[in-house]
């Protein structure tokens, strides 16, 4: 009898454990992207410009993440995400513009039939549009769009002081709402609190609407960036208004991408006009040729500077989680000598 009761109790505990596992989950995931190549940006004539690098994140910034969700019943879920950028070539972590460890994401959210509400650091819709509508995705090295948005700063991606956006890819201290998808449409709204006093400090906000149906995808985004002097939110550095329209269409034999971005920065009275056109051409069921051309026109105090980037790539899928790639990039800029870069790499998702 005693043994029978023990068996019944053990079965009950196993059943409860199964229910708990079904209601909540936590996962470890990420990407390690490593490449080797020779790099030369647009540069002054005669200047030493070429370096040979073993680089992390050329095609996609390497990162490590933890995420989980809990089923609260009635279609309601609680979610969280903690993600940090990695430099695989040196073993170090890469902070966000605010200088913090969980630089890719750090948020908690509730989701359900009403959509999703997230608190904390969360991707800005402009970044989402930027990587969705160009064939090189979120590549800070080879995507013309990402280079011209200049998320990493002037010294890394362009030689034009003040060009690009004055905020990070993910917004810290933010509240984000994503609506449910209705007939292919979805809306996004995001506000980042200034968390500081003084008339020079302003909140940042953005709204976007996307459409996805069959082969067509498009997204319209508006961002109003603010400035804050608070040390904890230095990811916001410019009073600016940004309009972005991105679209793609999959013809089967080729997927075409296009983007246009207008940036009006009242901090330095600067204006940027950015466009990108690209294609992804599947040549086999595992391989694709990538091509993208982008142009940035920057104007400050009547002085105009133009930066153009052409990237050509080949991506080969080894498995569901691993692919290898090769990319050539040409960058040219007003009054500078053109620079050419090329690299081969491997990207592994886990």
C-alpha atoms as a PDB file:
ATOM      1  CA  UNK A   1       0.000   0.000   0.000  1.00  0.00           C
ATOM      2  CA  UNK A   2       2.846   2.374   0.957  1.00  0.00           C
ATOM      3  CA  UNK A   3       4.628   1.719  -2.366  1.00  0.00           C
ATOM      4  CA  UNK A   4       1.394   2.286  -4.256  1.00  0.00           C
ATOM      5  CA  UNK A   5       0.859   5.645  -2.547  1.00  0.00           C
ATOM      6  CA  UNK A   6       4.426   6.637  -3.406  1.00  0.00           C
ATOM      7  CA  UNK A   7       3.847   5.793  -7.055  1.00  0.00           C
ATOM      8  CA  UNK A   8       0.644   7.862  -7.107  1.00  0.00           C
ATOM      9  CA  UNK A   9       2.460  10.822  -5.479  1.00  0.00           C
ATOM     10  CA  UNK A  10       5.358  10.571  -7.934  1.00  0.00           C
ATOM     11  CA  UNK A  11       2.953  10.483 -10.865  1.00  0.00           C
ATOM     12  CA  UNK A  12       1.163  13.560  -9.522  1.00  0.00           C
ATOM     13  CA  UNK A  13       4.454  15.447  -9.133  1.00  0.00           C
ATOM     14  CA  UNK A  14       5.491  14.523 -12.676  1.00  0.00           C
ATOM     15  CA  UNK A  15       2.153  15.731 -13.993  1.00  0.00           C
ATOM     16  CA  UNK A  16       2.501  19.040 -12.138  1.00  0.00           C
ATOM     17  CA  UNK A  17       6.037  19.452 -13.465  1.00  0.00           C
ATOM     18  CA  UNK A  18       4.762  18.861 -16.984  1.00  0.00           C
ATOM     19  CA  UNK A  19       2.054  21.509 -16.533  1.00  0.00           C
ATOM     20  CA  UNK A  20       4.586  24.019 -15.153  1.00  0.00           C
ATOM     21  CA  UNK A  21       6.930  23.349 -18.054  1.00  0.00           C
ATOM     22  CA  UNK A  22       4.108  23.884 -20.522  1.00  0.00           C
ATOM     23  CA  UNK A  23       3.131  27.169 -18.870  1.00  0.00           C
ATOM     24  CA  UNK A  24       6.596  28.735 -18.693  1.00  0.00           C
ATOM     25  CA  UNK A  25       9.903  28.427 -20.536  1.00  0.00           C
ATOM     26  CA  UNK A  26      13.358  29.984 -20.595  1.00  0.00           C
ATOM     27  CA  UNK A  27      15.822  29.671 -23.478  1.00  0.00           C
ATOM     28  CA  UNK A  28      19.460  30.489 -24.173  1.00  0.00           C
ATOM     29  CA  UNK A  29      20.207  31.645 -27.721  1.00  0.00           C
ATOM     30  CA  UNK A  30      22.431  33.885 -29.800  1.00  0.00           C
ATOM     31  CA  UNK A  31      24.703  34.283 -32.803  1.00  0.00           C
ATOM     32  CA  UNK A  32      28.462  34.091 -33.291  1.00  0.00           C
ATOM     33  CA  UNK A  33      29.587  35.767 -36.520  1.00  0.00           C
ATOM     34  CA  UNK A  34      33.311  35.809 -37.354  1.00  0.00           C
ATOM     35  CA  UNK A  35      35.163  36.884 -40.490  1.00  0.00           C
ATOM     36  CA  UNK A  36      38.618  37.660 -41.840  1.00  0.00           C
ATOM     37  CA  UNK A  37      39.238  40.302 -44.449  1.00  0.00           C
ATOM     38  CA  UNK A  38      40.971  43.381 -45.773  1.00  0.00           C
ATOM     39  CA  UNK A  39      39.271  46.725 -45.142  1.00  0.00           C
ATOM     40  CA  UNK A  40      39.732  50.206 -46.578  1.00  0.00           C
ATOM     41  CA  UNK A  41      37.264  53.065 -46.174  1.00  0.00           C
ATOM     42  CA  UNK A  42      37.053  56.169 -48.329  1.00  0.00           C
ATOM     43  CA  UNK A  43      40.103  58.197 -47.341  1.00  0.00           C
ATOM     44  CA  UNK A  44      42.259  61.187 -48.121  1.00  0.00           C
ATOM     45  CA  UNK A  45      44.569  60.692 -51.100  1.00  0.00           C
ATOM     46  CA  UNK A  46      47.863  59.169 -49.982  1.00  0.00           C
ATOM     47  CA  UNK A  47      46.656  58.308 -46.486  1.00  0.00           C
ATOM     48  CA  UNK A  48      47.287  54.827 -45.086  1.00  0.00           C
ATOM     49  CA  UNK A  49      43.826  53.260 -45.024  1.00  0.00           C
ATOM     50  CA  UNK A  50      43.977  49.462 -45.381  1.00  0.00           C
ATOM     51  CA  UNK A  51      43.953  46.982 -42.505  1.00  0.00           C
ATOM     52  CA  UNK A  52      43.661  43.199 -42.267  1.00  0.00           C
ATOM     53  CA  UNK A  53      41.186  42.220 -39.566  1.00  0.00           C
ATOM     54  CA  UNK A  54      39.746  39.191 -37.865  1.00  0.00           C
ATOM     55  CA  UNK A  55      36.341  40.669 -37.067  1.00  0.00           C
ATOM     56  CA  UNK A  56      33.260  39.784 -35.068  1.00  0.00           C
ATOM     57  CA  UNK A  57      29.811  40.617 -36.391  1.00  0.00           C
ATOM     58  CA  UNK A  58      30.562  41.650 -39.978  1.00  0.00           C
ATOM     59  CA  UNK A  59      27.292  40.189 -41.268  1.00  0.00           C
ATOM     60  CA  UNK A  60      25.356  40.255 -37.982  1.00  0.00           C
ATOM     61  CA  UNK A  61      26.550  41.530 -34.610  1.00  0.00           C
ATOM     62  CA  UNK A  62      27.368  38.562 -32.372  1.00  0.00           C
ATOM     63  CA  UNK A  63      25.260  38.329 -29.214  1.00  0.00           C
ATOM     64  CA  UNK A  64      24.117  36.163 -26.325  1.00  0.00           C
ATOM     65  CA  UNK A  65      20.532  36.184 -25.111  1.00  0.00           C
ATOM     66  CA  UNK A  66      18.186  34.809 -22.472  1.00  0.00           C
ATOM     67  CA  UNK A  67      14.432  34.969 -22.993  1.00  0.00           C
ATOM     68  CA  UNK A  68      11.387  33.402 -21.466  1.00  0.00           C
ATOM     69  CA  UNK A  69       7.630  33.447 -21.335  1.00  0.00           C
ATOM     70  CA  UNK A  70       4.882  32.346 -18.976  1.00  0.00           C
ATOM     71  CA  UNK A  71       1.347  31.451 -19.976  1.00  0.00           C
ATOM     72  CA  UNK A  72      -0.914  33.390 -17.613  1.00  0.00           C
ATOM     73  CA  UNK A  73      -4.124  31.954 -19.046  1.00  0.00           C
ATOM     74  CA  UNK A  74      -6.837  33.517 -21.143  1.00  0.00           C
ATOM     75  CA  UNK A  75      -4.390  34.175 -23.981  1.00  0.00           C
ATOM     76  CA  UNK A  76      -2.196  36.403 -21.783  1.00  0.00           C
ATOM     77  CA  UNK A  77       1.569  35.877 -21.585  1.00  0.00           C
ATOM     78  CA  UNK A  78       4.400  37.426 -19.587  1.00  0.00           C
ATOM     79  CA  UNK A  79       7.718  37.681 -21.454  1.00  0.00           C
ATOM     80  CA  UNK A  80      11.258  38.870 -20.818  1.00  0.00           C
ATOM     81  CA  UNK A  81      14.470  39.260 -22.838  1.00  0.00           C
ATOM     82  CA  UNK A  82      18.068  39.972 -21.782  1.00  0.00           C
ATOM     83  CA  UNK A  83      20.634  40.208 -24.596  1.00  0.00           C
ATOM     84  CA  UNK A  84      24.249  41.382 -24.721  1.00  0.00           C
ATOM     85  CA  UNK A  85      26.452  42.085 -27.744  1.00  0.00           C
ATOM     86  CA  UNK A  86      29.686  40.064 -28.028  1.00  0.00           C
ATOM     87  CA  UNK A  87      33.036  40.665 -29.717  1.00  0.00           C
ATOM     88  CA  UNK A  88      33.945  37.114 -30.652  1.00  0.00           C
ATOM     89  CA  UNK A  89      37.372  38.117 -31.952  1.00  0.00           C
ATOM     90  CA  UNK A  90      38.519  39.342 -28.527  1.00  0.00           C
ATOM     91  CA  UNK A  91      36.078  37.692 -26.119  1.00  0.00           C
ATOM     92  CA  UNK A  92      34.818  41.014 -24.804  1.00  0.00           C
ATOM     93  CA  UNK A  93      31.279  42.337 -24.523  1.00  0.00           C
ATOM     94  CA  UNK A  94      30.084  45.381 -26.480  1.00  0.00           C
ATOM     95  CA  UNK A  95      27.971  47.942 -24.580  1.00  0.00           C
ATOM     96  CA  UNK A  96      25.169  49.958 -26.141  1.00  0.00           C
ATOM     97  CA  UNK A  97      25.517  53.725 -26.637  1.00  0.00           C
ATOM     98  CA  UNK A  98      24.379  54.234 -23.049  1.00  0.00           C
ATOM     99  CA  UNK A  99      27.377  52.123 -21.974  1.00  0.00           C
ATOM    100  CA  UNK A 100      25.624  49.104 -20.485  1.00  0.00           C
ATOM    101  CA  UNK A 101      26.144  45.324 -20.537  1.00  0.00           C
ATOM    102  CA  UNK A 102      22.682  44.215 -21.708  1.00  0.00           C
ATOM    103  CA  UNK A 103      23.164  46.390 -24.791  1.00  0.00           C
ATOM    104  CA  UNK A 104      20.925  44.525 -27.245  1.00  0.00           C
ATOM    105  CA  UNK A 105      17.763  44.103 -25.180  1.00  0.00           C
ATOM    106  CA  UNK A 106      16.555  44.242 -21.577  1.00  0.00           C
ATOM    107  CA  UNK A 107      12.803  44.261 -21.216  1.00  0.00           C
ATOM    108  CA  UNK A 108       9.723  42.640 -19.717  1.00  0.00           C
ATOM    109  CA  UNK A 109       6.392  42.485 -21.541  1.00  0.00           C
ATOM    110  CA  UNK A 110       2.756  41.383 -21.488  1.00  0.00           C
ATOM    111  CA  UNK A 111       1.206  40.072 -24.693  1.00  0.00           C
ATOM    112  CA  UNK A 112      -2.231  38.857 -25.684  1.00  0.00           C
ATOM    113  CA  UNK A 113      -5.115  39.583 -27.986  1.00  0.00           C
ATOM    114  CA  UNK A 114      -4.535  43.314 -27.465  1.00  0.00           C
ATOM    115  CA  UNK A 115      -0.986  43.065 -28.831  1.00  0.00           C
ATOM    116  CA  UNK A 116       2.177  43.521 -26.781  1.00  0.00           C
ATOM    117  CA  UNK A 117       3.391  46.109 -24.259  1.00  0.00           C
ATOM    118  CA  UNK A 118       7.100  46.080 -23.338  1.00  0.00           C
ATOM    119  CA  UNK A 119       8.989  48.064 -20.705  1.00  0.00           C
ATOM    120  CA  UNK A 120      12.736  48.615 -20.888  1.00  0.00           C
ATOM    121  CA  UNK A 121      15.256  48.527 -23.732  1.00  0.00           C
ATOM    122  CA  UNK A 122      13.503  47.481 -26.947  1.00  0.00           C
ATOM    123  CA  UNK A 123      14.305  47.726 -30.679  1.00  0.00           C
ATOM    124  CA  UNK A 124      13.313  51.017 -32.285  1.00  0.00           C
ATOM    125  CA  UNK A 125      11.035  50.703 -35.373  1.00  0.00           C
ATOM    126  CA  UNK A 126      13.556  52.556 -37.562  1.00  0.00           C
ATOM    127  CA  UNK A 127      16.130  49.855 -36.856  1.00  0.00           C
ATOM    128  CA  UNK A 128      13.539  47.161 -37.587  1.00  0.00           C
ATOM    129  CA  UNK A 129      12.705  48.783 -40.919  1.00  0.00           C
ATOM    130  CA  UNK A 130      16.392  49.312 -41.684  1.00  0.00           C
ATOM    131  CA  UNK A 131      17.415  45.669 -41.384  1.00  0.00           C
ATOM    132  CA  UNK A 132      14.197  44.263 -42.875  1.00  0.00           C
ATOM    133  CA  UNK A 133      14.353  46.071 -46.211  1.00  0.00           C
ATOM    134  CA  UNK A 134      17.931  45.553 -47.334  1.00  0.00           C
ATOM    135  CA  UNK A 135      19.605  42.266 -48.370  1.00  0.00           C
ATOM    136  CA  UNK A 136      22.477  42.639 -45.860  1.00  0.00           C
ATOM    137  CA  UNK A 137      20.128  42.901 -42.880  1.00  0.00           C
ATOM    138  CA  UNK A 138      21.596  44.436 -39.730  1.00  0.00           C
ATOM    139  CA  UNK A 139      25.218  44.264 -40.925  1.00  0.00           C
ATOM    140  CA  UNK A 140      26.937  47.359 -39.532  1.00  0.00           C
ATOM    141  CA  UNK A 141      29.916  46.595 -41.782  1.00  0.00           C
ATOM    142  CA  UNK A 142      28.399  45.898 -45.207  1.00  0.00           C
ATOM    143  CA  UNK A 143      24.791  47.149 -45.245  1.00  0.00           C
ATOM    144  CA  UNK A 144      24.698  50.610 -46.900  1.00  0.00           C
ATOM    145  CA  UNK A 145      21.599  51.443 -44.853  1.00  0.00           C
ATOM    146  CA  UNK A 146      23.171  50.603 -41.499  1.00  0.00           C
ATOM    147  CA  UNK A 147      26.362  52.463 -42.395  1.00  0.00           C
ATOM    148  CA  UNK A 148      24.411  55.565 -43.377  1.00  0.00           C
ATOM    149  CA  UNK A 149      22.214  55.445 -40.265  1.00  0.00           C
ATOM    150  CA  UNK A 150      25.604  55.614 -38.529  1.00  0.00           C
ATOM    151  CA  UNK A 151      24.535  53.851 -35.322  1.00  0.00           C
ATOM    152  CA  UNK A 152      28.145  53.144 -34.341  1.00  0.00           C
ATOM    153  CA  UNK A 153      29.407  56.709 -34.720  1.00  0.00           C
ATOM    154  CA  UNK A 154      31.232  58.783 -37.314  1.00  0.00           C
ATOM    155  CA  UNK A 155      34.652  57.188 -36.869  1.00  0.00           C
ATOM    156  CA  UNK A 156      33.323  53.729 -37.696  1.00  0.00           C
ATOM    157  CA  UNK A 157      30.856  54.044 -40.560  1.00  0.00           C
ATOM    158  CA  UNK A 158      31.187  57.406 -42.343  1.00  0.00           C
ATOM    159  CA  UNK A 159      33.618  60.308 -42.397  1.00  0.00           C
ATOM    160  CA  UNK A 160      30.786  62.849 -42.095  1.00  0.00           C
ATOM    161  CA  UNK A 161      30.486  64.488 -38.687  1.00  0.00           C
ATOM    162  CA  UNK A 162      26.900  64.558 -37.431  1.00  0.00           C
ATOM    163  CA  UNK A 163      25.496  62.408 -40.226  1.00  0.00           C
ATOM    164  CA  UNK A 164      22.904  59.727 -39.504  1.00  0.00           C
ATOM    165  CA  UNK A 165      20.654  59.345 -36.498  1.00  0.00           C
ATOM    166  CA  UNK A 166      21.312  60.555 -32.954  1.00  0.00           C
ATOM    167  CA  UNK A 167      20.049  57.445 -31.149  1.00  0.00           C
ATOM    168  CA  UNK A 168      20.746  53.743 -30.718  1.00  0.00           C
ATOM    169  CA  UNK A 169      19.206  50.665 -32.384  1.00  0.00           C
ATOM    170  CA  UNK A 170      17.351  49.804 -29.170  1.00  0.00           C
ATOM    171  CA  UNK A 171      15.762  52.465 -26.966  1.00  0.00           C
ATOM    172  CA  UNK A 172      16.508  52.362 -23.252  1.00  0.00           C
ATOM    173  CA  UNK A 173      13.960  53.557 -20.669  1.00  0.00           C
ATOM    174  CA  UNK A 174      11.209  53.007 -23.224  1.00  0.00           C
ATOM    175  CA  UNK A 175       7.581  51.880 -23.354  1.00  0.00           C
ATOM    176  CA  UNK A 176       6.704  50.048 -26.571  1.00  0.00           C
ATOM    177  CA  UNK A 177       3.330  48.945 -27.889  1.00  0.00           C
ATOM    178  CA  UNK A 178       2.873  46.546 -30.817  1.00  0.00           C
ATOM    179  CA  UNK A 179      -0.677  46.037 -32.050  1.00  0.00           C
ATOM    180  CA  UNK A 180      -2.041  42.674 -33.202  1.00  0.00           C
ATOM    181  CA  UNK A 181      -1.807  42.007 -36.930  1.00  0.00           C
ATOM    182  CA  UNK A 182      -5.078  42.835 -38.701  1.00  0.00           C
ATOM    183  CA  UNK A 183      -5.481  42.102 -42.427  1.00  0.00           C
ATOM    184  CA  UNK A 184      -1.705  42.261 -42.798  1.00  0.00           C
ATOM    185  CA  UNK A 185      -1.344  45.610 -40.966  1.00  0.00           C
ATOM    186  CA  UNK A 186       0.434  46.176 -37.652  1.00  0.00           C
ATOM    187  CA  UNK A 187       1.093  49.379 -35.707  1.00  0.00           C
ATOM    188  CA  UNK A 188       3.996  50.196 -33.380  1.00  0.00           C
ATOM    189  CA  UNK A 189       4.375  53.083 -30.922  1.00  0.00           C
ATOM    190  CA  UNK A 190       7.362  53.778 -28.677  1.00  0.00           C
ATOM    191  CA  UNK A 191       8.250  56.473 -26.153  1.00  0.00           C
ATOM    192  CA  UNK A 192      11.609  56.813 -24.357  1.00  0.00           C
ATOM    193  CA  UNK A 193      11.506  58.887 -21.181  1.00  0.00           C
ATOM    194  CA  UNK A 194      14.139  61.618 -20.806  1.00  0.00           C
ATOM    195  CA  UNK A 195      14.422  60.859 -17.070  1.00  0.00           C
ATOM    196  CA  UNK A 196      16.027  64.257 -16.485  1.00  0.00           C
ATOM    197  CA  UNK A 197      15.003  67.816 -15.695  1.00  0.00           C
ATOM    198  CA  UNK A 198      15.770  70.970 -17.664  1.00  0.00           C
ATOM    199  CA  UNK A 199      14.404  72.449 -20.871  1.00  0.00           C
ATOM    200  CA  UNK A 200      17.275  70.937 -22.909  1.00  0.00           C
ATOM    201  CA  UNK A 201      16.023  67.423 -22.128  1.00  0.00           C
ATOM    202  CA  UNK A 202      13.264  65.942 -24.249  1.00  0.00           C
ATOM    203  CA  UNK A 203      11.528  62.594 -24.570  1.00  0.00           C
ATOM    204  CA  UNK A 204      12.006  60.542 -27.733  1.00  0.00           C
ATOM    205  CA  UNK A 205       9.077  58.949 -29.570  1.00  0.00           C
ATOM    206  CA  UNK A 206       8.336  56.923 -32.690  1.00  0.00           C
ATOM    207  CA  UNK A 207       5.388  55.423 -34.539  1.00  0.00           C
ATOM    208  CA  UNK A 208       5.275  52.954 -37.410  1.00  0.00           C
ATOM    209  CA  UNK A 209       2.849  50.931 -39.467  1.00  0.00           C
ATOM    210  CA  UNK A 210       3.796  47.807 -41.409  1.00  0.00           C
ATOM    211  CA  UNK A 211       2.027  45.685 -44.003  1.00  0.00           C
ATOM    212  CA  UNK A 212       2.812  42.072 -44.871  1.00  0.00           C
ATOM    213  CA  UNK A 213       0.759  40.032 -47.310  1.00  0.00           C
ATOM    214  CA  UNK A 214       2.148  37.385 -49.639  1.00  0.00           C
ATOM    215  CA  UNK A 215       5.267  38.601 -51.454  1.00  0.00           C
ATOM    216  CA  UNK A 216       4.783  42.271 -50.496  1.00  0.00           C
ATOM    217  CA  UNK A 217       6.126  43.863 -47.332  1.00  0.00           C
ATOM    218  CA  UNK A 218       6.296  47.577 -46.464  1.00  0.00           C
ATOM    219  CA  UNK A 219       6.811  49.806 -43.428  1.00  0.00           C
ATOM    220  CA  UNK A 220       6.426  53.540 -42.805  1.00  0.00           C
ATOM    221  CA  UNK A 221       8.210  54.961 -39.737  1.00  0.00           C
ATOM    222  CA  UNK A 222       8.389  58.367 -38.058  1.00  0.00           C
ATOM    223  CA  UNK A 223      10.819  59.164 -35.247  1.00  0.00           C
ATOM    224  CA  UNK A 224      11.121  62.304 -33.121  1.00  0.00           C
ATOM    225  CA  UNK A 225      14.439  62.095 -31.346  1.00  0.00           C
ATOM    226  CA  UNK A 226      15.231  63.970 -28.167  1.00  0.00           C
ATOM    227  CA  UNK A 227      18.302  64.977 -26.178  1.00  0.00           C
ATOM    228  CA  UNK A 228      19.094  64.240 -22.548  1.00  0.00           C
ATOM    229  CA  UNK A 229      21.986  65.166 -20.303  1.00  0.00           C
ATOM    230  CA  UNK A 230      21.286  62.313 -17.883  1.00  0.00           C
ATOM    231  CA  UNK A 231      24.298  59.904 -17.850  1.00  0.00           C
ATOM    232  CA  UNK A 232      22.041  56.853 -17.850  1.00  0.00           C
ATOM    233  CA  UNK A 233      20.367  57.664 -21.183  1.00  0.00           C
ATOM    234  CA  UNK A 234      23.137  59.012 -23.412  1.00  0.00           C
ATOM    235  CA  UNK A 235      21.705  56.929 -26.261  1.00  0.00           C
ATOM    236  CA  UNK A 236      19.757  60.088 -27.252  1.00  0.00           C
ATOM    237  CA  UNK A 237      21.949  62.905 -28.536  1.00  0.00           C
ATOM    238  CA  UNK A 238      20.040  64.958 -31.127  1.00  0.00           C
ATOM    239  CA  UNK A 239      16.767  66.814 -31.623  1.00  0.00           C
ATOM    240  CA  UNK A 240      15.686  65.377 -34.962  1.00  0.00           C
ATOM    241  CA  UNK A 241      12.786  64.220 -37.073  1.00  0.00           C
ATOM    242  CA  UNK A 242      13.164  61.086 -39.164  1.00  0.00           C
ATOM    243  CA  UNK A 243      10.890  59.692 -41.884  1.00  0.00           C
ATOM    244  CA  UNK A 244      11.582  56.253 -43.342  1.00  0.00           C
ATOM    245  CA  UNK A 245       9.798  54.141 -45.945  1.00  0.00           C
ATOM    246  CA  UNK A 246      10.965  50.604 -46.636  1.00  0.00           C
ATOM    247  CA  UNK A 247       9.534  47.925 -48.901  1.00  0.00           C
ATOM    248  CA  UNK A 248      10.362  44.553 -50.427  1.00  0.00           C
ATOM    249  CA  UNK A 249       8.757  42.265 -52.990  1.00  0.00           C
ATOM    250  CA  UNK A 250       9.616  38.607 -53.479  1.00  0.00           C
ATOM    251  CA  UNK A 251       9.315  37.650 -57.154  1.00  0.00           C
ATOM    252  CA  UNK A 252      10.574  34.126 -56.452  1.00  0.00           C
ATOM    253  CA  UNK A 253      13.572  34.358 -58.773  1.00  0.00           C
ATOM    254  CA  UNK A 254      14.662  37.577 -57.039  1.00  0.00           C
ATOM    255  CA  UNK A 255      13.669  39.539 -53.936  1.00  0.00           C
ATOM    256  CA  UNK A 256      13.861  43.303 -54.393  1.00  0.00           C
ATOM    257  CA  UNK A 257      14.414  45.825 -51.578  1.00  0.00           C
ATOM    258  CA  UNK A 258      14.085  49.599 -51.369  1.00  0.00           C
ATOM    259  CA  UNK A 259      14.363  52.283 -48.671  1.00  0.00           C
ATOM    260  CA  UNK A 260      14.216  56.054 -48.396  1.00  0.00           C
ATOM    261  CA  UNK A 261      15.022  58.039 -45.237  1.00  0.00           C
ATOM    262  CA  UNK A 262      14.831  61.763 -44.510  1.00  0.00           C
ATOM    263  CA  UNK A 263      16.544  63.154 -41.379  1.00  0.00           C
ATOM    264  CA  UNK A 264      16.149  66.735 -40.171  1.00  0.00           C
ATOM    265  CA  UNK A 265      18.497  67.457 -37.251  1.00  0.00           C
ATOM    266  CA  UNK A 266      17.799  70.759 -35.500  1.00  0.00           C
ATOM    267  CA  UNK A 267      20.764  70.247 -33.143  1.00  0.00           C
ATOM    268  CA  UNK A 268      23.286  71.096 -35.871  1.00  0.00           C
ATOM    269  CA  UNK A 269      20.847  72.356 -38.543  1.00  0.00           C
ATOM    270  CA  UNK A 270      21.766  69.326 -40.644  1.00  0.00           C
ATOM    271  CA  UNK A 271      19.758  67.353 -43.154  1.00  0.00           C
ATOM    272  CA  UNK A 272      20.316  63.824 -44.471  1.00  0.00           C
ATOM    273  CA  UNK A 273      18.660  62.120 -47.410  1.00  0.00           C
ATOM    274  CA  UNK A 274      19.356  58.401 -47.612  1.00  0.00           C
ATOM    275  CA  UNK A 275      18.225  55.784 -50.105  1.00  0.00           C
ATOM    276  CA  UNK A 276      19.066  52.131 -50.704  1.00  0.00           C
ATOM    277  CA  UNK A 277      18.188  49.659 -53.473  1.00  0.00           C
ATOM    278  CA  UNK A 278      19.040  45.978 -53.248  1.00  0.00           C
ATOM    279  CA  UNK A 279      18.334  42.438 -54.411  1.00  0.00           C
ATOM    280  CA  UNK A 280      18.720  38.918 -53.085  1.00  0.00           C
ATOM    281  CA  UNK A 281      18.935  36.295 -55.834  1.00  0.00           C
ATOM    282  CA  UNK A 282      18.673  32.599 -54.887  1.00  0.00           C
ATOM    283  CA  UNK A 283      21.024  30.659 -57.193  1.00  0.00           C
ATOM    284  CA  UNK A 284      20.421  27.267 -55.515  1.00  0.00           C
ATOM    285  CA  UNK A 285      18.240  26.093 -52.635  1.00  0.00           C
ATOM    286  CA  UNK A 286      21.175  26.862 -50.308  1.00  0.00           C
ATOM    287  CA  UNK A 287      22.921  29.848 -51.888  1.00  0.00           C
ATOM    288  CA  UNK A 288      22.049  33.446 -52.701  1.00  0.00           C
ATOM    289  CA  UNK A 289      23.764  36.412 -54.318  1.00  0.00           C
ATOM    290  CA  UNK A 290      23.264  39.734 -52.482  1.00  0.00           C
ATOM    291  CA  UNK A 291      23.651  43.225 -53.913  1.00  0.00           C
ATOM    292  CA  UNK A 292      22.903  46.620 -52.383  1.00  0.00           C
ATOM    293  CA  UNK A 293      23.643  50.231 -53.305  1.00  0.00           C
ATOM    294  CA  UNK A 294      23.039  53.092 -50.906  1.00  0.00           C
ATOM    295  CA  UNK A 295      23.620  56.821 -50.919  1.00  0.00           C
ATOM    296  CA  UNK A 296      23.758  59.412 -48.121  1.00  0.00           C
ATOM    297  CA  UNK A 297      23.544  63.123 -48.891  1.00  0.00           C
ATOM    298  CA  UNK A 298      24.391  65.260 -45.875  1.00  0.00           C
ATOM    299  CA  UNK A 299      23.976  69.043 -45.797  1.00  0.00           C
ATOM    300  CA  UNK A 300      25.091  71.289 -42.926  1.00  0.00           C
ATOM    301  CA  UNK A 301      25.411  75.091 -43.113  1.00  0.00           C
ATOM    302  CA  UNK A 302      25.128  74.990 -46.892  1.00  0.00           C
ATOM    303  CA  UNK A 303      27.918  72.416 -47.303  1.00  0.00           C
ATOM    304  CA  UNK A 304      26.898  69.141 -48.970  1.00  0.00           C
ATOM    305  CA  UNK A 305      28.748  65.833 -48.683  1.00  0.00           C
ATOM    306  CA  UNK A 306      27.816  62.597 -50.429  1.00  0.00           C
ATOM    307  CA  UNK A 307      28.733  59.071 -49.341  1.00  0.00           C
ATOM    308  CA  UNK A 308      27.941  56.018 -51.510  1.00  0.00           C
ATOM    309  CA  UNK A 309      28.315  52.331 -50.677  1.00  0.00           C
ATOM    310  CA  UNK A 310      28.034  49.348 -53.035  1.00  0.00           C
ATOM    311  CA  UNK A 311      28.083  45.869 -51.464  1.00  0.00           C
ATOM    312  CA  UNK A 312      28.115  42.526 -53.293  1.00  0.00           C
ATOM    313  CA  UNK A 313      27.868  39.264 -51.387  1.00  0.00           C
ATOM    314  CA  UNK A 314      27.441  35.509 -51.624  1.00  0.00           C
ATOM    315  CA  UNK A 315      25.779  33.575 -48.813  1.00  0.00           C
ATOM    316  CA  UNK A 316      25.788  29.760 -48.608  1.00  0.00           C
ATOM    317  CA  UNK A 317      23.696  27.845 -46.066  1.00  0.00           C
ATOM    318  CA  UNK A 318      25.456  24.842 -44.568  1.00  0.00           C
ATOM    319  CA  UNK A 319      22.601  23.952 -42.202  1.00  0.00           C
ATOM    320  CA  UNK A 320      19.574  25.468 -40.504  1.00  0.00           C
ATOM    321  CA  UNK A 321      21.885  27.245 -38.075  1.00  0.00           C
ATOM    322  CA  UNK A 322      25.127  27.849 -39.983  1.00  0.00           C
ATOM    323  CA  UNK A 323      26.074  29.717 -43.144  1.00  0.00           C
ATOM    324  CA  UNK A 324      29.258  31.009 -44.765  1.00  0.00           C
ATOM    325  CA  UNK A 325      29.598  34.213 -46.751  1.00  0.00           C
ATOM    326  CA  UNK A 326      31.878  36.387 -48.821  1.00  0.00           C
ATOM    327  CA  UNK A 327      31.362  40.139 -49.359  1.00  0.00           C
ATOM    328  CA  UNK A 328      33.010  42.903 -51.406  1.00  0.00           C
ATOM    329  CA  UNK A 329      32.262  46.563 -50.629  1.00  0.00           C
ATOM    330  CA  UNK A 330      33.212  49.798 -52.375  1.00  0.00           C
ATOM    331  CA  UNK A 331      32.823  53.099 -50.512  1.00  0.00           C
ATOM    332  CA  UNK A 332      33.273  56.506 -52.089  1.00  0.00           C
ATOM    333  CA  UNK A 333      32.770  59.973 -50.661  1.00  0.00           C
ATOM    334  CA  UNK A 334      33.047  63.584 -51.781  1.00  0.00           C
ATOM    335  CA  UNK A 335      36.670  64.829 -51.949  1.00  0.00           C
ATOM    336  CA  UNK A 336      38.060  61.445 -50.846  1.00  0.00           C
ATOM    337  CA  UNK A 337      39.662  58.454 -52.543  1.00  0.00           C
ATOM    338  CA  UNK A 338      37.419  55.394 -52.781  1.00  0.00           C
ATOM    339  CA  UNK A 339      38.066  52.450 -50.487  1.00  0.00           C
ATOM    340  CA  UNK A 340      37.455  48.750 -51.131  1.00  0.00           C
ATOM    341  CA  UNK A 341      36.893  46.042 -48.534  1.00  0.00           C
ATOM    342  CA  UNK A 342      36.358  42.302 -48.738  1.00  0.00           C
ATOM    343  CA  UNK A 343      35.852  39.534 -46.208  1.00  0.00           C
ATOM    344  CA  UNK A 344      34.860  35.896 -45.834  1.00  0.00           C
ATOM    345  CA  UNK A 345      33.131  34.607 -42.724  1.00  0.00           C
ATOM    346  CA  UNK A 346      30.926  32.130 -40.935  1.00  0.00           C
ATOM    347  CA  UNK A 347      27.762  32.837 -38.963  1.00  0.00           C
ATOM    348  CA  UNK A 348      26.388  30.312 -36.476  1.00  0.00           C
ATOM    349  CA  UNK A 349      23.057  30.654 -34.672  1.00  0.00           C
ATOM    350  CA  UNK A 350      22.333  28.699 -31.510  1.00  0.00           C
END
